[in-house]
Amino acid sequence: MLKNFRSAYLFGTLGGILSCLAFFVLSFFYSDPTNLTLLFGYIICPVAIFLSIKFFKEDQNAGYLSFSEGMSVGFVTYMLIALISSVGIWLFLAVSPETFELITIAKFEVLEKGKETIIAQIGQNSYDATFESLKEMTKLDIALNDGIWKIIPGLFFTIIISIILRENANIS
């Protein structure tokens, strides 16, 4: 089983490390690197999933790929990306509390700038609930949010890529 998913482990680990590295580097240039890291995740996830499924198909499965194999390899890949990215971001925020404070401040500023629009669209109660949840936000919340936003598109990309790369056996 371990050797069957070698490409998923490789590209999932690489994707997770790149996501952590992106968060780390972007934190030096922006007070809130979370949004840009999510955007980076939308680029790295499909690339890592595609490469892991393609390498699995060509190198480990003799050019054959069923939909379920593609889904399994993709699942391992995007879950590794999400896990490594979440743990890395959480560890970085744990050793750098000032980065967490800057992120919190930036999120409050965004909420305050859009206050009138938010209240007009969803009401004062929703705005107040969002404000209260921001006050209670933890480092783990930021890390888990990043992981979740790697899993959701990862599933979508895995389905599409598995369909595209799927190759049925020739029946003679």
Protein backbone atom coordinates (compact mmCIF):
# COMPACT_ATOMS: atom_id res chain seq x y z
CA MET A 1 0.00 0.00 0.00
CA LEU A 2 2.77 2.46 0.87
CA LYS A 3 4.58 2.01 -2.44
CA ASN A 4 1.33 2.38 -4.37
CA PHE A 5 0.90 5.94 -3.17
CA ARG A 6 4.55 6.98 -3.43
CA SER A 7 3.71 9.83 -5.84
CA ALA A 8 0.87 11.03 -3.60
CA TYR A 9 3.21 11.15 -0.60
CA LEU A 10 5.87 12.97 -2.59
CA PHE A 11 3.67 15.64 -4.16
CA GLY A 12 1.44 16.01 -1.10
CA THR A 13 4.48 16.62 1.08
CA LEU A 14 5.99 19.03 -1.44
CA GLY A 15 2.71 20.92 -1.74
CA GLY A 16 2.36 21.17 2.03
CA ILE A 17 5.92 22.42 2.44
CA LEU A 18 5.42 24.98 -0.34
CA SER A 19 2.21 26.19 1.33
CA CYS A 20 4.01 26.62 4.65
CA LEU A 21 6.88 28.39 2.94
CA ALA A 22 4.45 30.71 1.14
CA PHE A 23 2.78 31.63 4.44
CA PHE A 24 6.15 32.24 6.08
CA VAL A 25 7.49 34.41 3.23
CA LEU A 26 4.24 36.35 2.73
CA SER A 27 4.08 37.13 6.46
CA PHE A 28 7.14 39.36 5.99
CA PHE A 29 5.48 41.39 3.24
CA TYR A 30 1.83 41.52 4.36
CA SER A 31 0.20 41.93 7.74
CA ASP A 32 -2.36 39.24 6.80
CA PRO A 33 -0.78 36.53 4.62
CA THR A 34 -3.77 34.19 4.99
CA ASN A 35 -5.68 35.33 1.89
CA LEU A 36 -2.65 35.19 -0.38
CA THR A 37 -1.70 31.80 1.01
CA LEU A 38 -5.20 30.55 0.16
CA LEU A 39 -4.76 31.89 -3.37
CA PHE A 40 -1.40 30.14 -3.59
CA GLY A 41 -3.14 26.96 -2.41
CA TYR A 42 -5.56 27.18 -5.34
CA ILE A 43 -2.53 27.03 -7.61
CA ILE A 44 -0.41 24.43 -5.80
CA CYS A 45 -3.23 21.95 -5.03
CA PRO A 46 -4.31 21.19 -8.60
CA VAL A 47 -0.69 21.06 -9.79
CA ALA A 48 0.31 18.64 -7.00
CA ILE A 49 -2.81 16.51 -7.51
CA PHE A 50 -2.29 16.35 -11.28
CA LEU A 51 1.37 15.40 -10.94
CA SER A 52 0.71 12.78 -8.27
CA ILE A 53 -2.06 11.11 -10.29
CA LYS A 54 -0.09 11.32 -13.54
CA PHE A 55 3.06 9.85 -11.96
CA PHE A 56 0.98 7.15 -10.28
CA LYS A 57 -0.63 6.24 -13.59
CA GLU A 58 2.58 6.22 -15.62
CA ASP A 59 5.24 5.01 -13.18
CA GLN A 60 3.39 2.81 -10.72
CA ASN A 61 0.36 1.51 -12.57
CA ALA A 62 1.62 0.71 -16.09
CA GLY A 63 -0.35 3.50 -17.79
CA TYR A 64 -3.71 2.44 -16.40
CA LEU A 65 -5.83 4.56 -14.08
CA SER A 66 -9.31 3.86 -12.81
CA PHE A 67 -11.43 6.64 -11.40
CA SER A 68 -11.20 5.17 -7.90
CA GLU A 69 -7.41 4.96 -8.08
CA GLY A 70 -7.25 8.59 -9.19
CA MET A 71 -9.57 9.59 -6.36
CA SER A 72 -7.49 7.66 -3.81
CA VAL A 73 -4.17 9.15 -4.95
CA GLY A 74 -5.71 12.63 -5.11
CA PHE A 75 -7.23 12.22 -1.64
CA VAL A 76 -3.89 11.29 -0.10
CA THR A 77 -2.23 14.20 -1.91
CA TYR A 78 -4.62 16.96 -0.89
CA MET A 79 -4.99 15.65 2.65
CA LEU A 80 -1.20 15.71 3.06
CA ILE A 81 -1.06 19.24 1.66
CA ALA A 82 -3.78 20.33 4.09
CA LEU A 83 -2.27 18.56 7.09
CA ILE A 84 1.30 19.76 6.55
CA SER A 85 0.15 23.28 5.72
CA SER A 86 -2.11 23.50 8.79
CA VAL A 87 0.52 22.15 11.17
CA GLY A 88 3.21 24.38 9.67
CA ILE A 89 1.08 27.51 9.92
CA TRP A 90 0.02 26.67 13.46
CA LEU A 91 3.63 26.10 14.52
CA PHE A 92 4.74 29.33 12.87
CA LEU A 93 2.00 31.30 14.60
CA ALA A 94 2.85 29.60 17.91
CA VAL A 95 6.46 30.79 17.73
CA SER A 96 5.54 34.17 16.23
CA PRO A 97 2.70 35.67 18.28
CA GLU A 98 3.28 39.08 16.70
CA THR A 99 2.29 37.63 13.31
CA PHE A 100 -0.93 36.32 14.84
CA GLU A 101 -1.63 39.78 16.30
CA LEU A 102 -1.03 41.43 12.91
CA ILE A 103 -3.39 38.97 11.23
CA THR A 104 -6.05 39.62 13.86
CA ILE A 105 -5.71 43.40 13.48
CA ALA A 106 -5.89 43.14 9.68
CA LYS A 107 -9.05 41.04 9.88
CA PHE A 108 -10.68 43.56 12.23
CA GLU A 109 -9.74 46.38 9.84
CA VAL A 110 -11.35 44.56 6.91
CA LEU A 111 -14.47 43.95 8.97
CA GLU A 112 -14.61 47.60 10.06
CA LYS A 113 -14.12 48.90 6.49
CA GLY A 114 -17.01 46.80 5.22
CA LYS A 115 -19.26 47.38 8.22
CA GLU A 116 -21.97 49.35 6.42
CA THR A 117 -22.09 46.95 3.48
CA ILE A 118 -22.15 43.89 5.73
CA ILE A 119 -24.94 45.28 7.89
CA ALA A 120 -26.95 46.28 4.81
CA GLN A 121 -26.58 42.82 3.27
CA ILE A 122 -26.85 40.43 6.21
CA GLY A 123 -27.89 42.55 9.19
CA GLN A 124 -26.50 43.88 12.46
CA ASN A 125 -26.81 40.55 14.27
CA SER A 126 -24.61 38.78 11.73
CA TYR A 127 -22.06 41.58 11.86
CA ASP A 128 -21.98 41.40 15.66
CA ALA A 129 -21.61 37.61 15.58
CA THR A 130 -18.71 37.91 13.13
CA PHE A 131 -17.09 40.58 15.31
CA GLU A 132 -17.40 38.36 18.40
CA SER A 133 -16.02 35.32 16.59
CA LEU A 134 -13.03 37.38 15.44
CA LYS A 135 -12.35 38.36 19.05
CA GLU A 136 -12.27 34.67 19.98
CA MET A 137 -10.13 33.60 17.00
CA THR A 138 -7.13 31.44 17.86
CA LYS A 139 -3.97 30.39 16.04
CA LEU A 140 -5.49 26.97 15.54
CA ASP A 141 -8.52 28.57 13.84
CA ILE A 142 -6.27 30.20 11.25
CA ALA A 143 -4.39 26.95 10.65
CA LEU A 144 -7.57 24.85 10.39
CA ASN A 145 -9.16 27.37 8.04
CA ASP A 146 -6.16 27.07 5.75
CA GLY A 147 -6.37 23.27 5.84
CA ILE A 148 -10.09 23.24 5.10
CA TRP A 149 -9.55 25.55 2.12
CA LYS A 150 -7.01 23.07 0.77
CA ILE A 151 -9.36 20.09 1.22
CA ILE A 152 -12.48 21.54 -0.41
CA PRO A 153 -10.88 22.57 -3.73
CA GLY A 154 -8.63 19.50 -3.51
CA LEU A 155 -11.68 17.25 -3.71
CA PHE A 156 -13.05 19.19 -6.66
CA PHE A 157 -9.73 19.13 -8.54
CA THR A 158 -9.25 15.43 -7.79
CA ILE A 159 -12.60 14.56 -9.35
CA ILE A 160 -11.86 16.56 -12.51
CA ILE A 161 -8.27 15.31 -12.87
CA SER A 162 -9.26 11.69 -12.19
CA ILE A 163 -11.86 11.86 -14.94
CA ILE A 164 -9.43 13.47 -17.38
CA LEU A 165 -6.56 11.05 -16.71
CA ARG A 166 -8.74 7.94 -16.37
CA GLU A 167 -7.91 5.24 -18.86
CA ASN A 168 -9.95 2.10 -19.15
CA ALA A 169 -8.44 -1.19 -20.19
CA ASN A 170 -8.82 -1.98 -23.85
CA ILE A 171 -11.35 -4.75 -24.30
CA SER A 172 -10.59 -6.86 -27.36
